[in-house]
C-alpha cells in the first residue's frame, strides 16, 4: 500500500504540519482547523509506505488518518507546546474520536 501525501506547514505555529492525500487536497480538512492552522504553505510531497520512516510520526498512523478522516495533523514536540497548542491538540483529538 502506498499513499501520495501532500504536506503543508502552518504559518502560525512552528513545527505544525498538515498531511493530506494528494488526490483529495484540503477538501476533507475541517474549516475550523484550517482557520486555526493558517493559510497552508506547501512543504513537500511524499510517497508514504509502511516501510517509510517519518521523523515525528508513525507512518501507519498517518496513512490510517488520511484514509479515515482525510488528514493528519502533526503538532510540535511536547517541549515546544504552549497552552494554546494544547487547545488545538484537544480539538484534534475530539475530531478523530
PDB file of N, CA and C in Angstrom:
ATOM      1  N   UNK A   1       0.837  -1.185   0.000  1.00  0.00           N
ATOM      2  CA  UNK A   1       0.000   0.000   0.000  1.00  0.00           C
ATOM      3  C   UNK A   1       0.878   1.243   0.000  1.00  0.00           C
ATOM      4  N   UNK A   2       0.524   2.203  -0.824  1.00  0.00           N
ATOM      5  CA  UNK A   2       1.215   3.483  -0.800  1.00  0.00           C
ATOM      6  C   UNK A   2       0.217   4.608  -0.969  1.00  0.00           C
ATOM      7  N   UNK A   3       0.528   5.719  -0.336  1.00  0.00           N
ATOM      8  CA  UNK A   3      -0.306   6.911  -0.390  1.00  0.00           C
ATOM      9  C   UNK A   3       0.596   8.082  -0.754  1.00  0.00           C
ATOM     10  N   UNK A   4       0.164   8.862  -1.720  1.00  0.00           N
ATOM     11  CA  UNK A   4       0.914  10.076  -2.050  1.00  0.00           C
ATOM     12  C   UNK A   4       0.315  11.199  -1.209  1.00  0.00           C
ATOM     13  N   UNK A   5       1.144  11.753  -0.350  1.00  0.00           N
ATOM     14  CA  UNK A   5       0.687  12.759   0.599  1.00  0.00           C
ATOM     15  C   UNK A   5       1.325  14.105   0.308  1.00  0.00           C
ATOM     16  N   UNK A   6       0.500  15.128   0.353  1.00  0.00           N
ATOM     17  CA  UNK A   6       0.980  16.495   0.257  1.00  0.00           C
ATOM     18  C   UNK A   6       1.075  17.010   1.691  1.00  0.00           C
ATOM     19  N   UNK A   7       2.169  17.651   2.009  1.00  0.00           N
ATOM     20  CA  UNK A   7       2.399  18.106   3.379  1.00  0.00           C
ATOM     21  C   UNK A   7       2.517  19.625   3.372  1.00  0.00           C
ATOM     22  N   UNK A   8       1.747  20.239   4.273  1.00  0.00           N
ATOM     23  CA  UNK A   8       1.722  21.697   4.391  1.00  0.00           C
ATOM     24  C   UNK A   8       2.258  22.108   5.760  1.00  0.00           C
ATOM     25  N   UNK A   9       2.930  23.235   5.811  1.00  0.00           N
ATOM     26  CA  UNK A   9       3.393  23.791   7.082  1.00  0.00           C
ATOM     27  C   UNK A   9       2.478  24.947   7.459  1.00  0.00           C
ATOM     28  N   UNK A  10       2.319  25.131   8.748  1.00  0.00           N
ATOM     29  CA  UNK A  10       1.488  26.215   9.257  1.00  0.00           C
ATOM     30  C   UNK A  10       2.314  27.492   9.344  1.00  0.00           C
ATOM     31  N   UNK A  11       1.761  28.604   8.848  1.00  0.00           N
ATOM     32  CA  UNK A  11       2.463  29.875   9.006  1.00  0.00           C
ATOM     33  C   UNK A  11       2.299  30.442  10.417  1.00  0.00           C
ATOM     34  N   UNK A  12       1.394  29.856  11.195  1.00  0.00           N
ATOM     35  CA  UNK A  12       1.108  30.370  12.535  1.00  0.00           C
ATOM     36  C   UNK A  12       1.897  29.679  13.634  1.00  0.00           C
ATOM     37  N   UNK A  13       2.193  28.385  13.449  1.00  0.00           N
ATOM     38  CA  UNK A  13       2.836  27.614  14.516  1.00  0.00           C
ATOM     39  C   UNK A  13       4.027  26.840  13.966  1.00  0.00           C
ATOM     40  N   UNK A  14       5.196  27.148  14.469  1.00  0.00           N
ATOM     41  CA  UNK A  14       6.412  26.435  14.073  1.00  0.00           C
ATOM     42  C   UNK A  14       6.291  24.959  14.448  1.00  0.00           C
ATOM     43  N   UNK A  15       6.593  24.083  13.521  1.00  0.00           N
ATOM     44  CA  UNK A  15       6.559  22.648  13.797  1.00  0.00           C
ATOM     45  C   UNK A  15       5.209  21.988  13.596  1.00  0.00           C
ATOM     46  N   UNK A  16       4.199  22.748  13.147  1.00  0.00           N
ATOM     47  CA  UNK A  16       2.885  22.174  12.891  1.00  0.00           C
ATOM     48  C   UNK A  16       2.763  21.903  11.386  1.00  0.00           C
ATOM     49  N   UNK A  17       2.423  20.642  11.073  1.00  0.00           N
ATOM     50  CA  UNK A  17       2.296  20.234   9.667  1.00  0.00           C
ATOM     51  C   UNK A  17       0.978  19.505   9.458  1.00  0.00           C
ATOM     52  N   UNK A  18       0.433  19.649   8.259  1.00  0.00           N
ATOM     53  CA  UNK A  18      -0.820  19.016   7.892  1.00  0.00           C
ATOM     54  C   UNK A  18      -0.562  18.112   6.691  1.00  0.00           C
ATOM     55  N   UNK A  19      -0.825  16.817   6.872  1.00  0.00           N
ATOM     56  CA  UNK A  19      -0.680  15.832   5.806  1.00  0.00           C
ATOM     57  C   UNK A  19      -2.060  15.585   5.204  1.00  0.00           C
ATOM     58  N   UNK A  20      -2.151  15.587   3.873  1.00  0.00           N
ATOM     59  CA  UNK A  20      -3.397  15.247   3.189  1.00  0.00           C
ATOM     60  C   UNK A  20      -3.075  14.325   2.021  1.00  0.00           C
ATOM     61  N   UNK A  21      -4.087  13.600   1.564  1.00  0.00           N
ATOM     62  CA  UNK A  21      -3.928  12.772   0.373  1.00  0.00           C
ATOM     63  C   UNK A  21      -3.835  13.724  -0.813  1.00  0.00           C
ATOM     64  N   UNK A  22      -2.803  13.563  -1.635  1.00  0.00           N
ATOM     65  CA  UNK A  22      -2.585  14.487  -2.750  1.00  0.00           C
ATOM     66  C   UNK A  22      -3.796  14.552  -3.669  1.00  0.00           C
ATOM     67  N   UNK A  23      -4.478  13.439  -3.884  1.00  0.00           N
ATOM     68  CA  UNK A  23      -5.641  13.418  -4.779  1.00  0.00           C
ATOM     69  C   UNK A  23      -6.837  14.186  -4.216  1.00  0.00           C
ATOM     70  N   UNK A  24      -6.928  14.287  -2.887  1.00  0.00           N
ATOM     71  CA  UNK A  24      -8.068  14.966  -2.254  1.00  0.00           C
ATOM     72  C   UNK A  24      -7.756  16.398  -1.866  1.00  0.00           C
ATOM     73  N   UNK A  25      -6.496  16.696  -1.714  1.00  0.00           N
ATOM     74  CA  UNK A  25      -6.116  18.039  -1.284  1.00  0.00           C
ATOM     75  C   UNK A  25      -6.663  18.349   0.101  1.00  0.00           C
ATOM     76  N   UNK A  26      -7.073  19.576   0.297  1.00  0.00           N
ATOM     77  CA  UNK A  26      -7.566  20.033   1.597  1.00  0.00           C
ATOM     78  C   UNK A  26      -9.076  19.875   1.750  1.00  0.00           C
ATOM     79  N   UNK A  27      -9.717  19.185   0.803  1.00  0.00           N
ATOM     80  CA  UNK A  27     -11.178  19.108   0.768  1.00  0.00           C
ATOM     81  C   UNK A  27     -11.805  18.468   2.007  1.00  0.00           C
ATOM     82  N   UNK A  28     -11.101  17.573   2.694  1.00  0.00           N
ATOM     83  CA  UNK A  28     -11.685  16.894   3.865  1.00  0.00           C
ATOM     84  C   UNK A  28     -11.222  17.488   5.198  1.00  0.00           C
ATOM     85  N   UNK A  29     -10.429  18.539   5.144  1.00  0.00           N
ATOM     86  CA  UNK A  29      -9.944  19.176   6.376  1.00  0.00           C
ATOM     87  C   UNK A  29     -11.027  20.127   6.880  1.00  0.00           C
ATOM     88  N   UNK A  30     -11.439  19.994   8.147  1.00  0.00           N
ATOM     89  CA  UNK A  30     -12.478  20.880   8.690  1.00  0.00           C
ATOM     90  C   UNK A  30     -12.077  22.355   8.594  1.00  0.00           C
ATOM     91  N   UNK A  31     -13.038  23.185   8.264  1.00  0.00           N
ATOM     92  CA  UNK A  31     -12.789  24.615   8.106  1.00  0.00           C
ATOM     93  C   UNK A  31     -12.222  25.231   9.384  1.00  0.00           C
ATOM     94  N   UNK A  32     -12.732  24.808  10.542  1.00  0.00           N
ATOM     95  CA  UNK A  32     -12.234  25.349  11.816  1.00  0.00           C
ATOM     96  C   UNK A  32     -10.747  25.051  12.000  1.00  0.00           C
ATOM     97  N   UNK A  33     -10.312  23.875  11.592  1.00  0.00           N
ATOM     98  CA  UNK A  33      -8.897  23.528  11.699  1.00  0.00           C
ATOM     99  C   UNK A  33      -8.066  24.369  10.733  1.00  0.00           C
ATOM    100  N   UNK A  34      -8.558  24.579   9.523  1.00  0.00           N
ATOM    101  CA  UNK A  34      -7.833  25.404   8.557  1.00  0.00           C
ATOM    102  C   UNK A  34      -7.686  26.843   9.053  1.00  0.00           C
ATOM    103  N   UNK A  35      -8.718  27.364   9.705  1.00  0.00           N
ATOM    104  CA  UNK A  35      -8.635  28.723  10.247  1.00  0.00           C
ATOM    105  C   UNK A  35      -7.565  28.800  11.326  1.00  0.00           C
ATOM    106  N   UNK A  36      -7.526  27.798  12.173  1.00  0.00           N
ATOM    107  CA  UNK A  36      -6.538  27.763  13.266  1.00  0.00           C
ATOM    108  C   UNK A  36      -5.136  27.537  12.728  1.00  0.00           C
ATOM    109  N   UNK A  37      -5.021  26.718  11.688  1.00  0.00           N
ATOM    110  CA  UNK A  37      -3.740  26.358  11.073  1.00  0.00           C
ATOM    111  C   UNK A  37      -3.128  27.542  10.327  1.00  0.00           C
ATOM    112  N   UNK A  38      -3.969  28.367   9.744  1.00  0.00           N
ATOM    113  CA  UNK A  38      -3.489  29.461   8.907  1.00  0.00           C
ATOM    114  C   UNK A  38      -3.449  29.011   7.452  1.00  0.00           C
ATOM    115  N   UNK A  39      -3.071  29.904   6.558  1.00  0.00           N
ATOM    116  CA  UNK A  39      -3.030  29.567   5.137  1.00  0.00           C
ATOM    117  C   UNK A  39      -1.930  28.520   4.910  1.00  0.00           C
ATOM    118  N   UNK A  40      -2.314  27.294   4.535  1.00  0.00           N
ATOM    119  CA  UNK A  40      -1.330  26.221   4.377  1.00  0.00           C
ATOM    120  C   UNK A  40      -0.248  26.576   3.348  1.00  0.00           C
ATOM    121  N   UNK A  41       0.996  26.324   3.725  1.00  0.00           N
ATOM    122  CA  UNK A  41       2.137  26.548   2.839  1.00  0.00           C
ATOM    123  C   UNK A  41       2.706  25.190   2.459  1.00  0.00           C
ATOM    124  N   UNK A  42       2.701  24.868   1.164  1.00  0.00           N
ATOM    125  CA  UNK A  42       3.164  23.550   0.743  1.00  0.00           C
ATOM    126  C   UNK A  42       4.630  23.370   1.114  1.00  0.00           C
ATOM    127  N   UNK A  43       4.910  22.261   1.804  1.00  0.00           N
ATOM    128  CA  UNK A  43       6.276  21.953   2.224  1.00  0.00           C
ATOM    129  C   UNK A  43       6.892  20.884   1.332  1.00  0.00           C
ATOM    130  N   UNK A  44       6.118  19.821   1.022  1.00  0.00           N
ATOM    131  CA  UNK A  44       6.646  18.735   0.193  1.00  0.00           C
ATOM    132  C   UNK A  44       5.553  17.754  -0.168  1.00  0.00           C
ATOM    133  N   UNK A  45       5.901  16.852  -1.060  1.00  0.00           N
ATOM    134  CA  UNK A  45       5.048  15.725  -1.418  1.00  0.00           C
ATOM    135  C   UNK A  45       5.854  14.475  -1.107  1.00  0.00           C
ATOM    136  N   UNK A  46       5.241  13.528  -0.402  1.00  0.00           N
ATOM    137  CA  UNK A  46       5.915  12.284  -0.017  1.00  0.00           C
ATOM    138  C   UNK A  46       5.071  11.087  -0.418  1.00  0.00           C
ATOM    139  N   UNK A  47       5.736  10.024  -0.825  1.00  0.00           N
ATOM    140  CA  UNK A  47       5.064   8.750  -1.027  1.00  0.00           C
ATOM    141  C   UNK A  47       5.190   7.996   0.292  1.00  0.00           C
ATOM    142  N   UNK A  48       4.061   7.726   0.932  1.00  0.00           N
ATOM    143  CA  UNK A  48       4.053   7.038   2.222  1.00  0.00           C
ATOM    144  C   UNK A  48       3.800   5.552   1.994  1.00  0.00           C
ATOM    145  N   UNK A  49       4.667   4.735   2.555  1.00  0.00           N
ATOM    146  CA  UNK A  49       4.514   3.285   2.540  1.00  0.00           C
ATOM    147  C   UNK A  49       4.794   2.790   3.950  1.00  0.00           C
ATOM    148  N   UNK A  50       4.344   1.578   4.294  1.00  0.00           N
ATOM    149  CA  UNK A  50       4.602   1.065   5.648  1.00  0.00           C
ATOM    150  C   UNK A  50       6.095   1.001   5.991  1.00  0.00           C
ATOM    151  N   UNK A  51       6.960   0.914   5.002  1.00  0.00           N
ATOM    152  CA  UNK A  51       8.401   0.839   5.248  1.00  0.00           C
ATOM    153  C   UNK A  51       9.033   2.208   5.494  1.00  0.00           C
ATOM    154  N   UNK A  52       8.329   3.263   5.118  1.00  0.00           N
ATOM    155  CA  UNK A  52       8.851   4.626   5.230  1.00  0.00           C
ATOM    156  C   UNK A  52       8.971   5.033   6.695  1.00  0.00           C
ATOM    157  N   UNK A  53      10.018   5.743   7.031  1.00  0.00           N
ATOM    158  CA  UNK A  53      10.206   6.273   8.379  1.00  0.00           C
ATOM    159  C   UNK A  53       9.971   7.779   8.356  1.00  0.00           C
ATOM    160  N   UNK A  54       9.189   8.251   9.296  1.00  0.00           N
ATOM    161  CA  UNK A  54       8.954   9.680   9.451  1.00  0.00           C
ATOM    162  C   UNK A  54       9.595  10.142  10.746  1.00  0.00           C
ATOM    163  N   UNK A  55      10.036  11.377  10.789  1.00  0.00           N
ATOM    164  CA  UNK A  55      10.761  11.893  11.948  1.00  0.00           C
ATOM    165  C   UNK A  55       9.909  11.969  13.210  1.00  0.00           C
ATOM    166  N   UNK A  56       8.665  12.421  13.088  1.00  0.00           N
ATOM    167  CA  UNK A  56       7.866  12.682  14.292  1.00  0.00           C
ATOM    168  C   UNK A  56       6.523  11.984  14.320  1.00  0.00           C
ATOM    169  N   UNK A  57       6.318  11.019  13.444  1.00  0.00           N
ATOM    170  CA  UNK A  57       5.017  10.349  13.418  1.00  0.00           C
ATOM    171  C   UNK A  57       5.180   8.923  12.925  1.00  0.00           C
ATOM    172  N   UNK A  58       4.258   8.080  13.306  1.00  0.00           N
ATOM    173  CA  UNK A  58       4.207   6.709  12.812  1.00  0.00           C
ATOM    174  C   UNK A  58       3.557   6.749  11.433  1.00  0.00           C
ATOM    175  N   UNK A  59       4.247   6.220  10.433  1.00  0.00           N
ATOM    176  CA  UNK A  59       3.698   6.248   9.075  1.00  0.00           C
ATOM    177  C   UNK A  59       2.375   5.486   9.007  1.00  0.00           C
ATOM    178  N   UNK A  60       2.241   4.430   9.790  1.00  0.00           N
ATOM    179  CA  UNK A  60       0.987   3.670   9.814  1.00  0.00           C
ATOM    180  C   UNK A  60      -0.169   4.547  10.313  1.00  0.00           C
ATOM    181  N   UNK A  61       0.095   5.321  11.362  1.00  0.00           N
ATOM    182  CA  UNK A  61      -0.931   6.206  11.916  1.00  0.00           C
ATOM    183  C   UNK A  61      -1.293   7.309  10.920  1.00  0.00           C
ATOM    184  N   UNK A  62      -0.298   7.845  10.226  1.00  0.00           N
ATOM    185  CA  UNK A  62      -0.555   8.888   9.236  1.00  0.00           C
ATOM    186  C   UNK A  62      -1.427   8.342   8.109  1.00  0.00           C
ATOM    187  N   UNK A  63      -1.067   7.174   7.576  1.00  0.00           N
ATOM    188  CA  UNK A  63      -1.842   6.559   6.490  1.00  0.00           C
ATOM    189  C   UNK A  63      -3.272   6.278   6.944  1.00  0.00           C
ATOM    190  N   UNK A  64      -3.422   5.738   8.144  1.00  0.00           N
ATOM    191  CA  UNK A  64      -4.757   5.444   8.672  1.00  0.00           C
ATOM    192  C   UNK A  64      -5.597   6.722   8.794  1.00  0.00           C
ATOM    193  N   UNK A  65      -4.993   7.787   9.315  1.00  0.00           N
ATOM    194  CA  UNK A  65      -5.714   9.061   9.467  1.00  0.00           C
ATOM    195  C   UNK A  65      -6.110   9.640   8.110  1.00  0.00           C
ATOM    196  N   UNK A  66      -5.226   9.522   7.124  1.00  0.00           N
ATOM    197  CA  UNK A  66      -5.543  10.024   5.787  1.00  0.00           C
ATOM    198  C   UNK A  66      -6.733   9.273   5.209  1.00  0.00           C
ATOM    199  N   UNK A  67      -6.791   7.974   5.460  1.00  0.00           N
ATOM    200  CA  UNK A  67      -7.888   7.169   4.925  1.00  0.00           C
ATOM    201  C   UNK A  67      -9.202   7.426   5.666  1.00  0.00           C
ATOM    202  N   UNK A  68      -9.146   7.541   6.995  1.00  0.00           N
ATOM    203  CA  UNK A  68     -10.372   7.661   7.777  1.00  0.00           C
ATOM    204  C   UNK A  68     -10.909   9.080   7.879  1.00  0.00           C
ATOM    205  N   UNK A  69     -10.029  10.058   8.136  1.00  0.00           N
ATOM    206  CA  UNK A  69     -10.538  11.420   8.324  1.00  0.00           C
ATOM    207  C   UNK A  69     -10.075  12.397   7.248  1.00  0.00           C
ATOM    208  N   UNK A  70      -9.162  11.966   6.377  1.00  0.00           N
ATOM    209  CA  UNK A  70      -8.760  12.808   5.263  1.00  0.00           C
ATOM    210  C   UNK A  70      -7.577  13.712   5.524  1.00  0.00           C
ATOM    211  N   UNK A  71      -7.024  13.664   6.728  1.00  0.00           N
ATOM    212  CA  UNK A  71      -5.853  14.477   7.055  1.00  0.00           C
ATOM    213  C   UNK A  71      -5.171  13.919   8.298  1.00  0.00           C
ATOM    214  N   UNK A  72      -3.939  14.365   8.505  1.00  0.00           N
ATOM    215  CA  UNK A  72      -3.209  14.062   9.738  1.00  0.00           C
ATOM    216  C   UNK A  72      -2.544  15.362  10.161  1.00  0.00           C
ATOM    217  N   UNK A  73      -2.756  15.777  11.384  1.00  0.00           N
ATOM    218  CA  UNK A  73      -2.157  16.998  11.911  1.00  0.00           C
ATOM    219  C   UNK A  73      -0.970  16.630  12.789  1.00  0.00           C
ATOM    220  N   UNK A  74       0.211  17.079  12.394  1.00  0.00           N
ATOM    221  CA  UNK A  74       1.419  16.846  13.192  1.00  0.00           C
ATOM    222  C   UNK A  74       1.704  18.105  13.993  1.00  0.00           C
ATOM    223  N   UNK A  75       1.709  17.952  15.296  1.00  0.00           N
ATOM    224  CA  UNK A  75       1.956  19.073  16.195  1.00  0.00           C
ATOM    225  C   UNK A  75       3.424  19.131  16.588  1.00  0.00           C
ATOM    226  N   UNK A  76       3.882  20.279  17.064  1.00  0.00           N
ATOM    227  CA  UNK A  76       5.273  20.389  17.516  1.00  0.00           C
ATOM    228  C   UNK A  76       5.535  19.429  18.673  1.00  0.00           C
ATOM    229  N   UNK A  77       6.787  19.071  18.908  1.00  0.00           N
ATOM    230  CA  UNK A  77       7.102  18.214  20.064  1.00  0.00           C
ATOM    231  C   UNK A  77       6.585  18.842  21.350  1.00  0.00           C
ATOM    232  N   UNK A  78       6.278  18.004  22.328  1.00  0.00           N
ATOM    233  CA  UNK A  78       5.696  18.489  23.583  1.00  0.00           C
ATOM    234  C   UNK A  78       6.513  19.587  24.237  1.00  0.00           C
ATOM    235  N   UNK A  79       7.827  19.539  24.126  1.00  0.00           N
ATOM    236  CA  UNK A  79       8.656  20.559  24.761  1.00  0.00           C
ATOM    237  C   UNK A  79       8.407  21.933  24.156  1.00  0.00           C
ATOM    238  N   UNK A  80       7.878  21.981  22.922  1.00  0.00           N
ATOM    239  CA  UNK A  80       7.608  23.248  22.264  1.00  0.00           C
ATOM    240  C   UNK A  80       6.133  23.646  22.347  1.00  0.00           C
ATOM    241  N   UNK A  81       5.321  22.823  22.987  1.00  0.00           N
ATOM    242  CA  UNK A  81       3.882  23.054  23.004  1.00  0.00           C
ATOM    243  C   UNK A  81       3.521  24.111  24.045  1.00  0.00           C
ATOM    244  N   UNK A  82       2.717  25.059  23.620  1.00  0.00           N
ATOM    245  CA  UNK A  82       2.234  26.109  24.513  1.00  0.00           C
ATOM    246  C   UNK A  82       0.820  25.751  24.960  1.00  0.00           C
ATOM    247  N   UNK A  83       0.261  26.541  25.865  1.00  0.00           N
ATOM    248  CA  UNK A  83      -1.122  26.320  26.294  1.00  0.00           C
ATOM    249  C   UNK A  83      -2.075  26.395  25.102  1.00  0.00           C
ATOM    250  N   UNK A  84      -1.797  27.326  24.209  1.00  0.00           N
ATOM    251  CA  UNK A  84      -2.637  27.476  23.024  1.00  0.00           C
ATOM    252  C   UNK A  84      -2.583  26.203  22.169  1.00  0.00           C
ATOM    253  N   UNK A  85      -1.422  25.614  22.034  1.00  0.00           N
ATOM    254  CA  UNK A  85      -1.277  24.389  21.244  1.00  0.00           C
ATOM    255  C   UNK A  85      -1.987  23.218  21.917  1.00  0.00           C
ATOM    256  N   UNK A  86      -2.022  23.192  23.241  1.00  0.00           N
ATOM    257  CA  UNK A  86      -2.748  22.130  23.937  1.00  0.00           C
ATOM    258  C   UNK A  86      -4.236  22.167  23.573  1.00  0.00           C
ATOM    259  N   UNK A  87      -4.763  23.379  23.406  1.00  0.00           N
ATOM    260  CA  UNK A  87      -6.158  23.509  22.989  1.00  0.00           C
ATOM    261  C   UNK A  87      -6.365  22.940  21.591  1.00  0.00           C
ATOM    262  N   UNK A  88      -5.433  23.188  20.678  1.00  0.00           N
ATOM    263  CA  UNK A  88      -5.535  22.648  19.322  1.00  0.00           C
ATOM    264  C   UNK A  88      -5.458  21.130  19.368  1.00  0.00           C
ATOM    265  N   UNK A  89      -4.535  20.600  20.146  1.00  0.00           N
ATOM    266  CA  UNK A  89      -4.410  19.139  20.269  1.00  0.00           C
ATOM    267  C   UNK A  89      -5.696  18.539  20.827  1.00  0.00           C
ATOM    268  N   UNK A  90      -6.289  19.197  21.794  1.00  0.00           N
ATOM    269  CA  UNK A  90      -7.556  18.730  22.354  1.00  0.00           C
ATOM    270  C   UNK A  90      -8.630  18.736  21.282  1.00  0.00           C
ATOM    271  N   UNK A  91      -8.694  19.784  20.498  1.00  0.00           N
ATOM    272  CA  UNK A  91      -9.680  19.890  19.424  1.00  0.00           C
ATOM    273  C   UNK A  91      -9.462  18.780  18.391  1.00  0.00           C
ATOM    274  N   UNK A  92      -8.214  18.524  18.034  1.00  0.00           N
ATOM    275  CA  UNK A  92      -7.900  17.498  17.051  1.00  0.00           C
ATOM    276  C   UNK A  92      -8.314  16.116  17.545  1.00  0.00           C
ATOM    277  N   UNK A  93      -8.097  15.818  18.819  1.00  0.00           N
ATOM    278  CA  UNK A  93      -8.472  14.519  19.343  1.00  0.00           C
ATOM    279  C   UNK A  93      -9.992  14.345  19.357  1.00  0.00           C
ATOM    280  N   UNK A  94     -10.723  15.445  19.551  1.00  0.00           N
ATOM    281  CA  UNK A  94     -12.190  15.374  19.522  1.00  0.00           C
ATOM    282  C   UNK A  94     -12.699  15.105  18.110  1.00  0.00           C
ATOM    283  N   UNK A  95     -11.975  15.625  17.112  1.00  0.00           N
ATOM    284  CA  UNK A  95     -12.373  15.394  15.729  1.00  0.00           C
ATOM    285  C   UNK A  95     -12.212  13.938  15.328  1.00  0.00           C
ATOM    286  N   UNK A  96     -11.171  13.284  15.843  1.00  0.00           N
ATOM    287  CA  UNK A  96     -10.918  11.904  15.438  1.00  0.00           C
ATOM    288  C   UNK A  96     -11.619  10.892  16.333  1.00  0.00           C
ATOM    289  N   UNK A  97     -12.211  11.333  17.408  1.00  0.00           N
ATOM    290  CA  UNK A  97     -12.837  10.405  18.334  1.00  0.00           C
ATOM    291  C   UNK A  97     -14.288  10.457  18.230  1.00  0.00           C
TER     292      UNK A  97
END
